[in-house]
Amino acid sequence: MIRCRHVIAPELATIALASARDAWPDLEVADAVFLAHLERCAGDQLGRDLDFAAIYLGCACVHGDARALAAFEAAYLGELPKMLARITREPALVDEVLQQLRIKLFVGDHPAIERYLRGSLAAWLRVIASRLAIDLLRQRDRPVGDPALELASLADTAEHALLAAAYRAPVEAAFAAALAALEPTDRSMLRLCFVEGVGLEGIGRIYQLSKSAVSRRLARCRSILLADVKHRLGDSLGIAPDELHSLLRQVQSTLHLSLPRLLASR
């Protein structure tokens, strides 16, 4: 029986180690080192739904295992240039993003890889890399003599392009699931508004509600949808809350664009 220091139950420790070893048999990380890393990363979120294999690979990279770093490059970082090409076509900028990402992930007292727990590691890395690229573009293109000026339009354009290219499928899947979870009346009211083009007064006549009551109910539905979409995206993409910020801003702006088509199919 495997013993661990504080939080990890022996059964969970056995599962975690078996999953890690099966995925990466050539890596050599001591059991105690991996379990301590897992405790530090997960805290009170420990559970069987964690991606133990990916966490194990990250642990080996943090500890400087050359084979782990090579495997991480091949499995994950090697795929990022294609995604980054949607933001910039400058090879030097892509190289700088990847270098900064390596440092951010594996260097320091609190390397960013410790924030990854579940979901798609590749998607989680895409979000971090895209933010680094946008930040570098902002810094490079800031006009001389006006350091306070933010290139918000550039960032917004890049983030919209990134979402459309890389995250359209998971965002729309989250919208569809969130719509399915709504009450039938709420779904019908949304369909009347967004698909049929019925105004507030017309919807009110159908459901015997005042115009203001319809407006409040539609606003409530929108808030519920957005909160549910955020929750589902966080779960499906496995992205830490602080890394979801830019993506969720785009989710809110995309809601009105996605609703008509998704509602029409229901």
C-alpha atoms as a PDB file:
ATOM      1  CA  MET A   1       0.000   0.000   0.000  1.00  0.00           C
ATOM      2  CA  ILE A   2       1.308   3.407  -0.988  1.00  0.00           C
ATOM      3  CA  ARG A   3       1.499   5.954   1.806  1.00  0.00           C
ATOM      4  CA  CYS A   4       1.204   9.695   1.239  1.00  0.00           C
ATOM      5  CA  ARG A   5       1.760  12.647   3.482  1.00  0.00           C
ATOM      6  CA  HIS A   6      -1.539  14.433   4.016  1.00  0.00           C
ATOM      7  CA  VAL A   7      -4.446  14.530   1.602  1.00  0.00           C
ATOM      8  CA  ILE A   8      -4.168  11.755  -0.973  1.00  0.00           C
ATOM      9  CA  ALA A   9      -5.955   8.577   0.004  1.00  0.00           C
ATOM     10  CA  PRO A  10      -3.939   5.412  -0.605  1.00  0.00           C
ATOM     11  CA  GLU A  11      -6.421   4.170  -3.232  1.00  0.00           C
ATOM     12  CA  LEU A  12      -6.227   7.452  -5.150  1.00  0.00           C
ATOM     13  CA  ALA A  13      -2.436   7.506  -4.890  1.00  0.00           C
ATOM     14  CA  THR A  14      -2.309   4.003  -6.402  1.00  0.00           C
ATOM     15  CA  ILE A  15      -4.588   5.059  -9.277  1.00  0.00           C
ATOM     16  CA  ALA A  16      -2.600   8.243  -9.886  1.00  0.00           C
ATOM     17  CA  LEU A  17       0.738   6.459  -9.974  1.00  0.00           C
ATOM     18  CA  ALA A  18      -0.533   3.636 -12.185  1.00  0.00           C
ATOM     19  CA  SER A  19      -2.034   6.088 -14.681  1.00  0.00           C
ATOM     20  CA  ALA A  20       1.165   8.147 -14.734  1.00  0.00           C
ATOM     21  CA  ARG A  21       3.472   5.146 -15.166  1.00  0.00           C
ATOM     22  CA  ASP A  22       1.306   3.619 -17.896  1.00  0.00           C
ATOM     23  CA  ALA A  23       1.351   6.853 -19.888  1.00  0.00           C
ATOM     24  CA  TRP A  24       5.042   7.652 -19.412  1.00  0.00           C
ATOM     25  CA  PRO A  25       6.933   4.431 -18.606  1.00  0.00           C
ATOM     26  CA  ASP A  26      10.298   5.914 -19.612  1.00  0.00           C
ATOM     27  CA  LEU A  27      10.160   8.807 -17.148  1.00  0.00           C
ATOM     28  CA  GLU A  28      11.682   8.440 -13.717  1.00  0.00           C
ATOM     29  CA  VAL A  29      10.051  10.501 -10.988  1.00  0.00           C
ATOM     30  CA  ALA A  30      10.039   9.161  -7.441  1.00  0.00           C
ATOM     31  CA  ASP A  31       6.605   8.251  -6.117  1.00  0.00           C
ATOM     32  CA  ALA A  32       6.949  10.649  -3.193  1.00  0.00           C
ATOM     33  CA  VAL A  33       8.013  13.494  -5.487  1.00  0.00           C
ATOM     34  CA  PHE A  34       5.035  13.019  -7.803  1.00  0.00           C
ATOM     35  CA  LEU A  35       2.517  12.660  -4.975  1.00  0.00           C
ATOM     36  CA  ALA A  36       3.872  15.789  -3.280  1.00  0.00           C
ATOM     37  CA  HIS A  37       3.574  17.632  -6.607  1.00  0.00           C
ATOM     38  CA  LEU A  38       0.023  16.341  -7.018  1.00  0.00           C
ATOM     39  CA  GLU A  39      -0.935  17.490  -3.521  1.00  0.00           C
ATOM     40  CA  ARG A  40       0.539  20.913  -4.118  1.00  0.00           C
ATOM     41  CA  CYS A  41      -1.278  21.320  -7.450  1.00  0.00           C
ATOM     42  CA  ALA A  42      -4.672  19.902  -6.542  1.00  0.00           C
ATOM     43  CA  GLY A  43      -5.170  20.717  -2.879  1.00  0.00           C
ATOM     44  CA  ASP A  44      -8.845  20.161  -2.060  1.00  0.00           C
ATOM     45  CA  GLN A  45      -9.603  19.395  -5.735  1.00  0.00           C
ATOM     46  CA  LEU A  46      -8.057  15.934  -5.558  1.00  0.00           C
ATOM     47  CA  GLY A  47     -10.166  13.358  -7.354  1.00  0.00           C
ATOM     48  CA  ARG A  48     -10.183  10.606  -9.946  1.00  0.00           C
ATOM     49  CA  ASP A  49     -11.138  13.061 -12.698  1.00  0.00           C
ATOM     50  CA  LEU A  50      -7.674  14.650 -12.714  1.00  0.00           C
ATOM     51  CA  ASP A  51      -5.384  14.002 -15.689  1.00  0.00           C
ATOM     52  CA  PHE A  52      -2.707  12.181 -13.703  1.00  0.00           C
ATOM     53  CA  ALA A  53      -0.635  11.377 -16.792  1.00  0.00           C
ATOM     54  CA  ALA A  54      -0.366  15.026 -17.853  1.00  0.00           C
ATOM     55  CA  ILE A  55       0.292  16.167 -14.280  1.00  0.00           C
ATOM     56  CA  TYR A  56       3.044  13.550 -13.997  1.00  0.00           C
ATOM     57  CA  LEU A  57       4.643  14.780 -17.230  1.00  0.00           C
ATOM     58  CA  GLY A  58       4.526  18.347 -15.903  1.00  0.00           C
ATOM     59  CA  CYS A  59       6.085  17.247 -12.631  1.00  0.00           C
ATOM     60  CA  ALA A  60       8.959  15.565 -14.473  1.00  0.00           C
ATOM     61  CA  CYS A  61       9.490  18.716 -16.563  1.00  0.00           C
ATOM     62  CA  VAL A  62       9.582  20.937 -13.463  1.00  0.00           C
ATOM     63  CA  HIS A  63      12.288  18.675 -12.046  1.00  0.00           C
ATOM     64  CA  GLY A  64      14.389  18.988 -15.201  1.00  0.00           C
ATOM     65  CA  ASP A  65      13.941  15.492 -16.640  1.00  0.00           C
ATOM     66  CA  ALA A  66      15.361  15.789 -20.171  1.00  0.00           C
ATOM     67  CA  ARG A  67      13.163  13.011 -21.554  1.00  0.00           C
ATOM     68  CA  ALA A  68      10.081  14.656 -20.071  1.00  0.00           C
ATOM     69  CA  LEU A  69      10.962  18.031 -21.581  1.00  0.00           C
ATOM     70  CA  ALA A  70      11.497  16.407 -24.971  1.00  0.00           C
ATOM     71  CA  ALA A  71       8.179  14.552 -24.692  1.00  0.00           C
ATOM     72  CA  PHE A  72       6.371  17.767 -23.712  1.00  0.00           C
ATOM     73  CA  GLU A  73       7.869  19.546 -26.714  1.00  0.00           C
ATOM     74  CA  ALA A  74       6.810  16.773 -29.074  1.00  0.00           C
ATOM     75  CA  ALA A  75       3.323  16.237 -27.673  1.00  0.00           C
ATOM     76  CA  TYR A  76       2.268  19.808 -26.917  1.00  0.00           C
ATOM     77  CA  LEU A  77       4.596  22.717 -27.676  1.00  0.00           C
ATOM     78  CA  GLY A  78       5.279  21.464 -31.175  1.00  0.00           C
ATOM     79  CA  GLU A  79       1.602  21.969 -32.040  1.00  0.00           C
ATOM     80  CA  LEU A  80       1.439  25.604 -30.916  1.00  0.00           C
ATOM     81  CA  PRO A  81       3.122  27.347 -33.888  1.00  0.00           C
ATOM     82  CA  LYS A  82       0.184  26.405 -36.151  1.00  0.00           C
ATOM     83  CA  MET A  83      -2.250  28.017 -33.703  1.00  0.00           C
ATOM     84  CA  LEU A  84      -0.027  31.065 -33.166  1.00  0.00           C
ATOM     85  CA  ALA A  85       0.126  31.596 -36.931  1.00  0.00           C
ATOM     86  CA  ARG A  86      -3.490  32.757 -36.673  1.00  0.00           C
ATOM     87  CA  ILE A  87      -2.304  35.637 -34.489  1.00  0.00           C
ATOM     88  CA  THR A  88       1.067  36.472 -36.064  1.00  0.00           C
ATOM     89  CA  ARG A  89       3.016  35.364 -39.106  1.00  0.00           C
ATOM     90  CA  GLU A  90       6.350  36.426 -37.644  1.00  0.00           C
ATOM     91  CA  PRO A  91       8.519  33.365 -36.829  1.00  0.00           C
ATOM     92  CA  ALA A  92      10.609  35.410 -34.388  1.00  0.00           C
ATOM     93  CA  LEU A  93       7.521  36.343 -32.387  1.00  0.00           C
ATOM     94  CA  VAL A  94       6.328  32.731 -32.326  1.00  0.00           C
ATOM     95  CA  ASP A  95       9.748  31.643 -31.046  1.00  0.00           C
ATOM     96  CA  GLU A  96       9.620  34.311 -28.345  1.00  0.00           C
ATOM     97  CA  VAL A  97       6.147  33.169 -27.256  1.00  0.00           C
ATOM     98  CA  LEU A  98       7.326  29.564 -26.974  1.00  0.00           C
ATOM     99  CA  GLN A  99      10.402  30.559 -25.000  1.00  0.00           C
ATOM    100  CA  GLN A 100       8.381  32.661 -22.577  1.00  0.00           C
ATOM    101  CA  LEU A 101       5.865  29.844 -22.286  1.00  0.00           C
ATOM    102  CA  ARG A 102       8.590  27.345 -21.335  1.00  0.00           C
ATOM    103  CA  ILE A 103       9.830  29.695 -18.617  1.00  0.00           C
ATOM    104  CA  LYS A 104       6.320  30.403 -17.362  1.00  0.00           C
ATOM    105  CA  LEU A 105       5.431  26.713 -17.234  1.00  0.00           C
ATOM    106  CA  PHE A 106       8.509  25.183 -15.628  1.00  0.00           C
ATOM    107  CA  VAL A 107      10.662  27.831 -13.936  1.00  0.00           C
ATOM    108  CA  GLY A 108      10.363  29.522 -10.558  1.00  0.00           C
ATOM    109  CA  ASP A 109       8.913  28.744  -7.153  1.00  0.00           C
ATOM    110  CA  HIS A 110       5.378  28.515  -8.530  1.00  0.00           C
ATOM    111  CA  PRO A 111       5.604  27.293 -12.149  1.00  0.00           C
ATOM    112  CA  ALA A 112       2.380  27.696 -14.119  1.00  0.00           C
ATOM    113  CA  ILE A 113       2.157  23.972 -14.920  1.00  0.00           C
ATOM    114  CA  GLU A 114       1.132  23.452 -11.288  1.00  0.00           C
ATOM    115  CA  ARG A 115      -2.193  25.148 -12.094  1.00  0.00           C
ATOM    116  CA  TYR A 116      -3.156  22.472 -14.626  1.00  0.00           C
ATOM    117  CA  LEU A 117      -5.355  19.682 -13.272  1.00  0.00           C
ATOM    118  CA  ARG A 118      -7.948  18.335 -15.694  1.00  0.00           C
ATOM    119  CA  GLY A 119      -9.391  18.661 -19.162  1.00  0.00           C
ATOM    120  CA  SER A 120      -7.388  19.188 -22.319  1.00  0.00           C
ATOM    121  CA  LEU A 121      -3.802  20.176 -21.563  1.00  0.00           C
ATOM    122  CA  ALA A 122      -3.392  21.202 -25.205  1.00  0.00           C
ATOM    123  CA  ALA A 123      -6.343  23.613 -24.977  1.00  0.00           C
ATOM    124  CA  TRP A 124      -5.052  25.025 -21.690  1.00  0.00           C
ATOM    125  CA  LEU A 125      -1.669  25.685 -23.295  1.00  0.00           C
ATOM    126  CA  ARG A 126      -3.293  27.339 -26.320  1.00  0.00           C
ATOM    127  CA  VAL A 127      -4.993  29.883 -24.091  1.00  0.00           C
ATOM    128  CA  ILE A 128      -1.755  30.764 -22.259  1.00  0.00           C
ATOM    129  CA  ALA A 129       0.223  30.962 -25.499  1.00  0.00           C
ATOM    130  CA  SER A 130      -2.365  33.184 -27.158  1.00  0.00           C
ATOM    131  CA  ARG A 131      -2.310  35.604 -24.228  1.00  0.00           C
ATOM    132  CA  LEU A 132       1.493  35.753 -24.367  1.00  0.00           C
ATOM    133  CA  ALA A 133       1.389  36.461 -28.108  1.00  0.00           C
ATOM    134  CA  ILE A 134      -1.178  39.225 -27.699  1.00  0.00           C
ATOM    135  CA  ASP A 135       0.809  40.778 -24.856  1.00  0.00           C
ATOM    136  CA  LEU A 136       3.974  40.752 -26.969  1.00  0.00           C
ATOM    137  CA  LEU A 137       2.129  42.376 -29.878  1.00  0.00           C
ATOM    138  CA  ARG A 138       0.840  45.063 -27.566  1.00  0.00           C
ATOM    139  CA  GLN A 139       4.301  45.795 -26.199  1.00  0.00           C
ATOM    140  CA  ARG A 140       5.972  45.853 -29.591  1.00  0.00           C
ATOM    141  CA  ASP A 141       3.378  48.005 -31.347  1.00  0.00           C
ATOM    142  CA  ARG A 142       2.785  50.538 -28.569  1.00  0.00           C
ATOM    143  CA  PRO A 143       3.300  53.979 -30.188  1.00  0.00           C
ATOM    144  CA  VAL A 144       6.481  55.795 -29.126  1.00  0.00           C
ATOM    145  CA  GLY A 145       5.744  58.858 -26.982  1.00  0.00           C
ATOM    146  CA  ASP A 146       2.364  57.572 -25.796  1.00  0.00           C
ATOM    147  CA  PRO A 147       3.134  54.729 -23.366  1.00  0.00           C
ATOM    148  CA  ALA A 148      -0.322  54.887 -21.785  1.00  0.00           C
ATOM    149  CA  LEU A 149      -2.102  54.014 -25.037  1.00  0.00           C
ATOM    150  CA  GLU A 150      -3.426  50.442 -25.099  1.00  0.00           C
ATOM    151  CA  LEU A 151      -3.843  48.679 -28.410  1.00  0.00           C
ATOM    152  CA  ALA A 152      -7.227  47.309 -27.417  1.00  0.00           C
ATOM    153  CA  SER A 153      -8.443  46.939 -30.989  1.00  0.00           C
ATOM    154  CA  LEU A 154      -5.460  44.776 -31.903  1.00  0.00           C
ATOM    155  CA  ALA A 155      -5.972  42.532 -28.890  1.00  0.00           C
ATOM    156  CA  ASP A 156      -9.698  42.233 -29.544  1.00  0.00           C
ATOM    157  CA  THR A 157      -9.118  41.354 -33.196  1.00  0.00           C
ATOM    158  CA  ALA A 158      -6.564  38.700 -32.300  1.00  0.00           C
ATOM    159  CA  GLU A 159      -8.727  37.197 -29.586  1.00  0.00           C
ATOM    160  CA  HIS A 160     -11.799  37.079 -31.833  1.00  0.00           C
ATOM    161  CA  ALA A 161      -9.721  35.377 -34.521  1.00  0.00           C
ATOM    162  CA  LEU A 162      -8.319  32.919 -32.010  1.00  0.00           C
ATOM    163  CA  LEU A 163     -11.742  32.046 -30.662  1.00  0.00           C
ATOM    164  CA  ALA A 164     -13.208  31.569 -34.134  1.00  0.00           C
ATOM    165  CA  ALA A 165     -10.333  29.387 -35.264  1.00  0.00           C
ATOM    166  CA  ALA A 166      -9.469  27.356 -32.185  1.00  0.00           C
ATOM    167  CA  TYR A 167     -12.448  27.414 -29.824  1.00  0.00           C
ATOM    168  CA  ARG A 168     -15.577  27.580 -31.973  1.00  0.00           C
ATOM    169  CA  ALA A 169     -16.414  23.900 -31.449  1.00  0.00           C
ATOM    170  CA  PRO A 170     -16.106  23.783 -27.627  1.00  0.00           C
ATOM    171  CA  VAL A 171     -17.858  27.149 -27.234  1.00  0.00           C
ATOM    172  CA  GLU A 172     -20.800  26.085 -29.369  1.00  0.00           C
ATOM    173  CA  ALA A 173     -20.956  22.709 -27.625  1.00  0.00           C
ATOM    174  CA  ALA A 174     -21.132  24.522 -24.289  1.00  0.00           C
ATOM    175  CA  PHE A 175     -23.883  26.824 -25.625  1.00  0.00           C
ATOM    176  CA  ALA A 176     -25.871  23.855 -26.926  1.00  0.00           C
ATOM    177  CA  ALA A 177     -25.629  21.993 -23.614  1.00  0.00           C
ATOM    178  CA  ALA A 178     -26.533  25.121 -21.650  1.00  0.00           C
ATOM    179  CA  LEU A 179     -29.571  25.728 -23.877  1.00  0.00           C
ATOM    180  CA  ALA A 180     -30.709  22.140 -23.402  1.00  0.00           C
ATOM    181  CA  ALA A 181     -30.552  22.631 -19.628  1.00  0.00           C
ATOM    182  CA  LEU A 182     -32.918  25.631 -19.695  1.00  0.00           C
ATOM    183  CA  GLU A 183     -36.599  25.321 -18.885  1.00  0.00           C
ATOM    184  CA  PRO A 184     -38.698  24.712 -22.030  1.00  0.00           C
ATOM    185  CA  THR A 185     -40.520  28.035 -21.641  1.00  0.00           C
ATOM    186  CA  ASP A 186     -37.259  29.933 -21.388  1.00  0.00           C
ATOM    187  CA  ARG A 187     -35.975  28.174 -24.504  1.00  0.00           C
ATOM    188  CA  SER A 188     -39.166  28.976 -26.380  1.00  0.00           C
ATOM    189  CA  MET A 189     -38.999  32.639 -25.402  1.00  0.00           C
ATOM    190  CA  LEU A 190     -35.394  32.844 -26.537  1.00  0.00           C
ATOM    191  CA  ARG A 191     -36.304  31.183 -29.840  1.00  0.00           C
ATOM    192  CA  LEU A 192     -39.143  33.641 -30.410  1.00  0.00           C
ATOM    193  CA  CYS A 193     -36.814  36.559 -29.696  1.00  0.00           C
ATOM    194  CA  PHE A 194     -33.640  35.490 -31.499  1.00  0.00           C
ATOM    195  CA  VAL A 195     -34.923  33.242 -34.297  1.00  0.00           C
ATOM    196  CA  GLU A 196     -38.466  34.396 -35.061  1.00  0.00           C
ATOM    197  CA  GLY A 197     -37.768  38.051 -34.393  1.00  0.00           C
ATOM    198  CA  VAL A 198     -40.844  38.488 -32.188  1.00  0.00           C
ATOM    199  CA  GLY A 199     -40.674  41.645 -30.071  1.00  0.00           C
ATOM    200  CA  LEU A 200     -41.134  41.919 -26.324  1.00  0.00           C
ATOM    201  CA  GLU A 201     -44.784  42.903 -26.637  1.00  0.00           C
ATOM    202  CA  GLY A 202     -45.528  39.955 -28.928  1.00  0.00           C
ATOM    203  CA  ILE A 203     -43.838  37.500 -26.567  1.00  0.00           C
ATOM    204  CA  GLY A 204     -45.750  39.075 -23.689  1.00  0.00           C
ATOM    205  CA  ARG A 205     -49.065  38.481 -25.449  1.00  0.00           C
ATOM    206  CA  ILE A 206     -48.196  34.816 -25.994  1.00  0.00           C
ATOM    207  CA  TYR A 207     -47.237  34.222 -22.350  1.00  0.00           C
ATOM    208  CA  GLN A 208     -49.549  36.771 -20.736  1.00  0.00           C
ATOM    209  CA  LEU A 209     -46.675  38.844 -19.401  1.00  0.00           C
ATOM    210  CA  SER A 210     -45.922  42.538 -19.440  1.00  0.00           C
ATOM    211  CA  LYS A 211     -43.214  43.903 -21.730  1.00  0.00           C
ATOM    212  CA  SER A 212     -40.981  44.628 -18.731  1.00  0.00           C
ATOM    213  CA  ALA A 213     -41.541  41.127 -17.330  1.00  0.00           C
ATOM    214  CA  VAL A 214     -40.506  39.588 -20.662  1.00  0.00           C
ATOM    215  CA  SER A 215     -37.397  41.791 -20.743  1.00  0.00           C
ATOM    216  CA  ARG A 216     -36.412  40.733 -17.226  1.00  0.00           C
ATOM    217  CA  ARG A 217     -36.978  37.063 -17.986  1.00  0.00           C
ATOM    218  CA  LEU A 218     -34.905  37.179 -21.168  1.00  0.00           C
ATOM    219  CA  ALA A 219     -32.122  38.976 -19.285  1.00  0.00           C
ATOM    220  CA  ARG A 220     -32.256  36.301 -16.583  1.00  0.00           C
ATOM    221  CA  CYS A 221     -32.073  33.558 -19.233  1.00  0.00           C
ATOM    222  CA  ARG A 222     -29.053  35.222 -20.783  1.00  0.00           C
ATOM    223  CA  SER A 223     -27.303  35.438 -17.399  1.00  0.00           C
ATOM    224  CA  ILE A 224     -28.047  31.782 -16.657  1.00  0.00           C
ATOM    225  CA  LEU A 225     -26.805  30.745 -20.089  1.00  0.00           C
ATOM    226  CA  LEU A 226     -23.580  32.702 -19.780  1.00  0.00           C
ATOM    227  CA  ALA A 227     -22.830  31.343 -16.297  1.00  0.00           C
ATOM    228  CA  ASP A 228     -23.525  27.787 -17.466  1.00  0.00           C
ATOM    229  CA  VAL A 229     -21.364  28.223 -20.567  1.00  0.00           C
ATOM    230  CA  LYS A 230     -18.487  29.521 -18.442  1.00  0.00           C
ATOM    231  CA  HIS A 231     -18.788  26.545 -16.093  1.00  0.00           C
ATOM    232  CA  ARG A 232     -18.925  24.027 -18.942  1.00  0.00           C
ATOM    233  CA  LEU A 233     -15.970  25.602 -20.747  1.00  0.00           C
ATOM    234  CA  GLY A 234     -13.908  25.563 -17.581  1.00  0.00           C
ATOM    235  CA  ASP A 235     -14.638  21.853 -17.154  1.00  0.00           C
ATOM    236  CA  SER A 236     -14.218  20.804 -20.786  1.00  0.00           C
ATOM    237  CA  LEU A 237     -11.059  22.796 -21.495  1.00  0.00           C
ATOM    238  CA  GLY A 238      -9.490  22.302 -18.082  1.00  0.00           C
ATOM    239  CA  ILE A 239      -8.416  25.939 -17.936  1.00  0.00           C
ATOM    240  CA  ALA A 240      -7.633  27.667 -14.647  1.00  0.00           C
ATOM    241  CA  PRO A 241      -9.943  30.623 -13.833  1.00  0.00           C
ATOM    242  CA  ASP A 242      -7.239  33.228 -14.331  1.00  0.00           C
ATOM    243  CA  GLU A 243      -6.409  31.827 -17.780  1.00  0.00           C
ATOM    244  CA  LEU A 244     -10.085  31.732 -18.812  1.00  0.00           C
ATOM    245  CA  HIS A 245     -10.474  35.510 -18.553  1.00  0.00           C
ATOM    246  CA  SER A 246      -9.809  36.463 -22.152  1.00  0.00           C
ATOM    247  CA  LEU A 247     -11.731  33.502 -23.562  1.00  0.00           C
ATOM    248  CA  LEU A 248     -14.792  34.240 -21.414  1.00  0.00           C
ATOM    249  CA  ARG A 249     -14.853  37.861 -22.552  1.00  0.00           C
ATOM    250  CA  GLN A 250     -15.229  36.523 -26.060  1.00  0.00           C
ATOM    251  CA  VAL A 251     -17.878  34.029 -24.941  1.00  0.00           C
ATOM    252  CA  GLN A 252     -20.040  36.919 -23.768  1.00  0.00           C
ATOM    253  CA  SER A 253     -19.632  38.841 -27.018  1.00  0.00           C
ATOM    254  CA  THR A 254     -20.274  35.696 -29.070  1.00  0.00           C
ATOM    255  CA  LEU A 255     -23.476  34.714 -27.262  1.00  0.00           C
ATOM    256  CA  HIS A 256     -25.783  36.779 -29.464  1.00  0.00           C
ATOM    257  CA  LEU A 257     -24.098  35.459 -32.613  1.00  0.00           C
ATOM    258  CA  SER A 258     -24.411  31.787 -31.664  1.00  0.00           C
ATOM    259  CA  LEU A 259     -27.867  31.777 -30.120  1.00  0.00           C
ATOM    260  CA  PRO A 260     -30.004  32.148 -33.281  1.00  0.00           C
ATOM    261  CA  ARG A 261     -28.455  29.209 -35.110  1.00  0.00           C
ATOM    262  CA  LEU A 262     -28.354  26.956 -32.044  1.00  0.00           C
ATOM    263  CA  LEU A 263     -31.924  27.812 -31.057  1.00  0.00           C
ATOM    264  CA  ALA A 264     -33.163  27.212 -34.576  1.00  0.00           C
ATOM    265  CA  SER A 265     -31.950  23.616 -34.365  1.00  0.00           C
ATOM    266  CA  ARG A 266     -33.970  22.926 -31.197  1.00  0.00           C
END
